[in-house]
Structure formats: C-alpha cells, structure tokens
Amino acid sequence: MIKYLLFSFLLTFVLSANENYELKLYEKVLPSIFKSKNISVYTDTYNKTILEKSLIIQIKETCHSADLIIAKKITNIDPICREIPYFSTSYRSYINSTNSIGAFYWRKGRPQLKLNIKAIKKFNLTIPENLKKYAQ
C-alpha cells in the first residue's frame, strides 16, 4: 500500500514539474519572438490548464482576438483561425502546418523546441540570438 501511495505522489510531482517547465518555456520564448510583454493566446484544453498560471500570457476565448494559437492539432481549430500564427505541441502538426512558427513537444522524455524561420518571417516576427540554435 505504501508503494502505491509513494508512486502516485511521485507521478503527481513529475507531471506538475513538466507543466511548470512548459510554462516557463512559453513565458521565455513567446515574448522574445513577439517582442511584447503580454501575449494573447487561443489554446486547446490541455495547454489552457498550463497557461492559466501565467502572468504574461492571456488566454482568449476566441481566436479572432488572439496573437497566437497554441494547440496540439491545427485541424481541431476553426478554419477561419488557421491564418493566425500557430505554435504546435506536436512535431507532426508542426511539420504539416505552413503557419506553425514553432513547436514544443516531448520526445523520449526530453523537451524539444523547434522554430520555423519561414513562418516567423511570414508573420513579421523575429528570432532573437539566444533562440537561433532552435531555428530550422
């Protein structure tokens, strides 16, 4: 019984640590790309629970008033909103979307960050020097 309690405690700790890591990454990367202290984001349910804790990122209920969409799949987003810059949380969606400015996803338990130079230029955004090593 003690093993199960310890396991559930450690699992909860690890999952919350990943959420905090993701939030810190979003709060560091997005303002530097958008050159703004506050960014409005339209997001899916999973990312909404992570981003709700942010003081920098404001979650919007509709994509029309958002600067950026953060989601796992762009196909789940309203077709009208697909012309807004998109930050993916899966590699496959990042590769398949022409509006994907970047991606943050986990691969083999390790965080992966990718930035799409063409899409970033398309939306008149810039990649700061400290993030150029993640650009493709």
Protein backbone atom coordinates (compact mmCIF):
# COMPACT_ATOMS: atom_id res chain seq x y z
CA MET A 1 0.00 0.00 0.00
CA ILE A 2 2.82 2.40 0.85
CA LYS A 3 4.42 1.69 -2.53
CA TYR A 4 1.23 2.74 -4.33
CA LEU A 5 0.96 5.95 -2.33
CA LEU A 6 4.60 6.79 -2.96
CA PHE A 7 4.21 6.04 -6.67
CA SER A 8 1.10 8.24 -7.00
CA PHE A 9 2.86 11.06 -5.13
CA LEU A 10 5.92 10.86 -7.39
CA LEU A 11 3.79 10.68 -10.53
CA THR A 12 1.88 13.80 -9.49
CA PHE A 13 5.16 15.59 -8.75
CA VAL A 14 6.66 14.67 -12.13
CA LEU A 15 3.57 15.73 -14.08
CA SER A 16 3.37 19.09 -12.32
CA ALA A 17 7.10 19.63 -12.92
CA ASN A 18 6.53 19.16 -16.67
CA GLU A 19 3.71 21.72 -16.64
CA ASN A 20 5.92 24.24 -14.83
CA TYR A 21 8.72 23.60 -17.32
CA GLU A 22 6.36 24.15 -20.25
CA LEU A 23 5.00 27.35 -18.76
CA LYS A 24 8.50 28.72 -18.15
CA LEU A 25 9.45 27.90 -21.72
CA TYR A 26 6.38 29.64 -23.16
CA GLU A 27 6.97 32.69 -20.96
CA LYS A 28 10.57 32.95 -22.13
CA VAL A 29 10.22 32.14 -25.84
CA LEU A 30 6.96 33.79 -26.88
CA PRO A 31 7.59 37.35 -25.59
CA SER A 32 11.02 37.36 -27.21
CA ILE A 33 9.60 36.31 -30.60
CA PHE A 34 6.63 38.69 -30.45
CA LYS A 35 8.66 41.49 -28.77
CA SER A 36 5.81 42.11 -26.38
CA LYS A 37 5.44 41.65 -22.64
CA ASN A 38 1.83 40.47 -22.92
CA ILE A 39 0.65 37.95 -25.47
CA SER A 40 -2.92 36.87 -26.10
CA VAL A 41 -3.31 33.19 -26.91
CA TYR A 42 -6.11 30.95 -28.06
CA THR A 43 -5.41 27.39 -26.97
CA ASP A 44 -6.73 23.87 -26.63
CA THR A 45 -7.85 22.35 -23.32
CA TYR A 46 -4.54 20.74 -22.36
CA ASN A 47 -2.46 23.87 -22.85
CA LYS A 48 -5.12 26.03 -21.24
CA THR A 49 -4.51 24.36 -17.87
CA ILE A 50 -0.79 25.12 -18.21
CA LEU A 51 -1.13 28.69 -19.46
CA GLU A 52 -3.76 29.75 -16.90
CA LYS A 53 -0.97 30.18 -14.34
CA SER A 54 0.92 32.69 -16.48
CA LEU A 55 1.10 36.39 -15.70
CA ILE A 56 2.42 37.20 -19.18
CA ILE A 57 0.16 35.13 -21.42
CA GLN A 58 -3.53 35.99 -21.62
CA ILE A 59 -5.92 33.27 -22.73
CA LYS A 60 -8.62 34.38 -25.16
CA GLU A 61 -11.92 32.59 -25.67
CA THR A 62 -11.89 33.15 -29.44
CA CYS A 63 -9.04 33.04 -31.89
CA HIS A 64 -10.11 36.33 -33.53
CA SER A 65 -8.69 38.38 -30.66
CA ALA A 66 -5.55 36.27 -30.16
CA ASP A 67 -1.98 36.92 -31.30
CA LEU A 68 -1.16 33.21 -31.36
CA ILE A 69 -2.73 29.76 -31.29
CA ILE A 70 -1.14 27.06 -29.15
CA ALA A 71 -2.54 23.59 -29.77
CA LYS A 72 -1.60 20.01 -30.48
CA LYS A 73 -3.51 19.83 -33.79
CA ILE A 74 -4.38 22.76 -36.03
CA THR A 75 -7.10 20.63 -37.65
CA ASN A 76 -9.11 20.96 -34.43
CA ILE A 77 -9.15 24.75 -34.81
CA ASP A 78 -11.79 26.70 -36.76
CA PRO A 79 -10.65 27.06 -40.43
CA ILE A 80 -11.07 30.85 -40.24
CA CYS A 81 -8.45 30.97 -37.49
CA ARG A 82 -5.81 28.98 -39.34
CA GLU A 83 -4.21 32.17 -40.71
CA ILE A 84 -3.05 33.21 -37.23
CA PRO A 85 0.47 32.23 -36.16
CA TYR A 86 0.42 28.76 -34.66
CA PHE A 87 2.70 27.19 -32.03
CA SER A 88 2.36 23.42 -32.04
CA THR A 89 2.74 20.94 -29.22
CA SER A 90 3.40 18.03 -31.58
CA TYR A 91 6.12 17.55 -34.16
CA ARG A 92 3.76 16.15 -36.79
CA SER A 93 1.46 19.15 -36.61
CA TYR A 94 4.47 21.49 -36.71
CA ILE A 95 5.71 19.93 -39.93
CA ASN A 96 2.28 19.86 -41.60
CA SER A 97 1.25 23.47 -40.94
CA THR A 98 2.61 26.36 -43.01
CA ASN A 99 1.63 28.81 -40.25
CA SER A 100 3.44 26.97 -37.48
CA ILE A 101 6.08 29.36 -36.14
CA GLY A 102 7.37 26.75 -33.75
CA ALA A 103 6.81 23.65 -31.70
CA PHE A 104 7.41 22.46 -28.20
CA TYR A 105 6.91 18.75 -27.57
CA TRP A 106 8.34 15.87 -25.58
CA ARG A 107 10.37 13.12 -27.27
CA LYS A 108 11.68 10.18 -25.26
CA GLY A 109 11.09 12.12 -22.07
CA ARG A 110 13.10 15.12 -23.25
CA PRO A 111 11.79 18.54 -24.23
CA GLN A 112 12.22 19.56 -27.87
CA LEU A 113 11.93 23.12 -29.18
CA LYS A 114 11.78 23.93 -32.90
CA LEU A 115 11.32 27.32 -34.59
CA ASN A 116 10.30 27.73 -38.24
CA ILE A 117 12.23 30.58 -39.87
CA LYS A 118 9.92 30.86 -42.91
CA ALA A 119 6.73 31.10 -40.86
CA ILE A 120 8.29 33.56 -38.42
CA LYS A 121 9.30 35.83 -41.31
CA LYS A 122 5.85 35.39 -42.88
CA PHE A 123 4.26 36.97 -39.80
CA ASN A 124 6.96 39.70 -39.50
CA LEU A 125 8.34 38.27 -36.28
CA THR A 126 12.00 37.81 -35.37
CA ILE A 127 14.08 35.15 -33.68
CA PRO A 128 16.37 36.57 -31.01
CA GLU A 129 20.02 35.49 -30.97
CA ASN A 130 19.60 33.22 -27.94
CA LEU A 131 16.95 31.15 -29.80
CA LYS A 132 18.59 30.88 -33.23
CA LYS A 133 20.02 27.46 -32.41
CA TYR A 134 16.42 26.11 -32.40
CA ALA A 135 15.59 27.57 -35.83
CA GLN A 136 15.09 25.43 -38.91
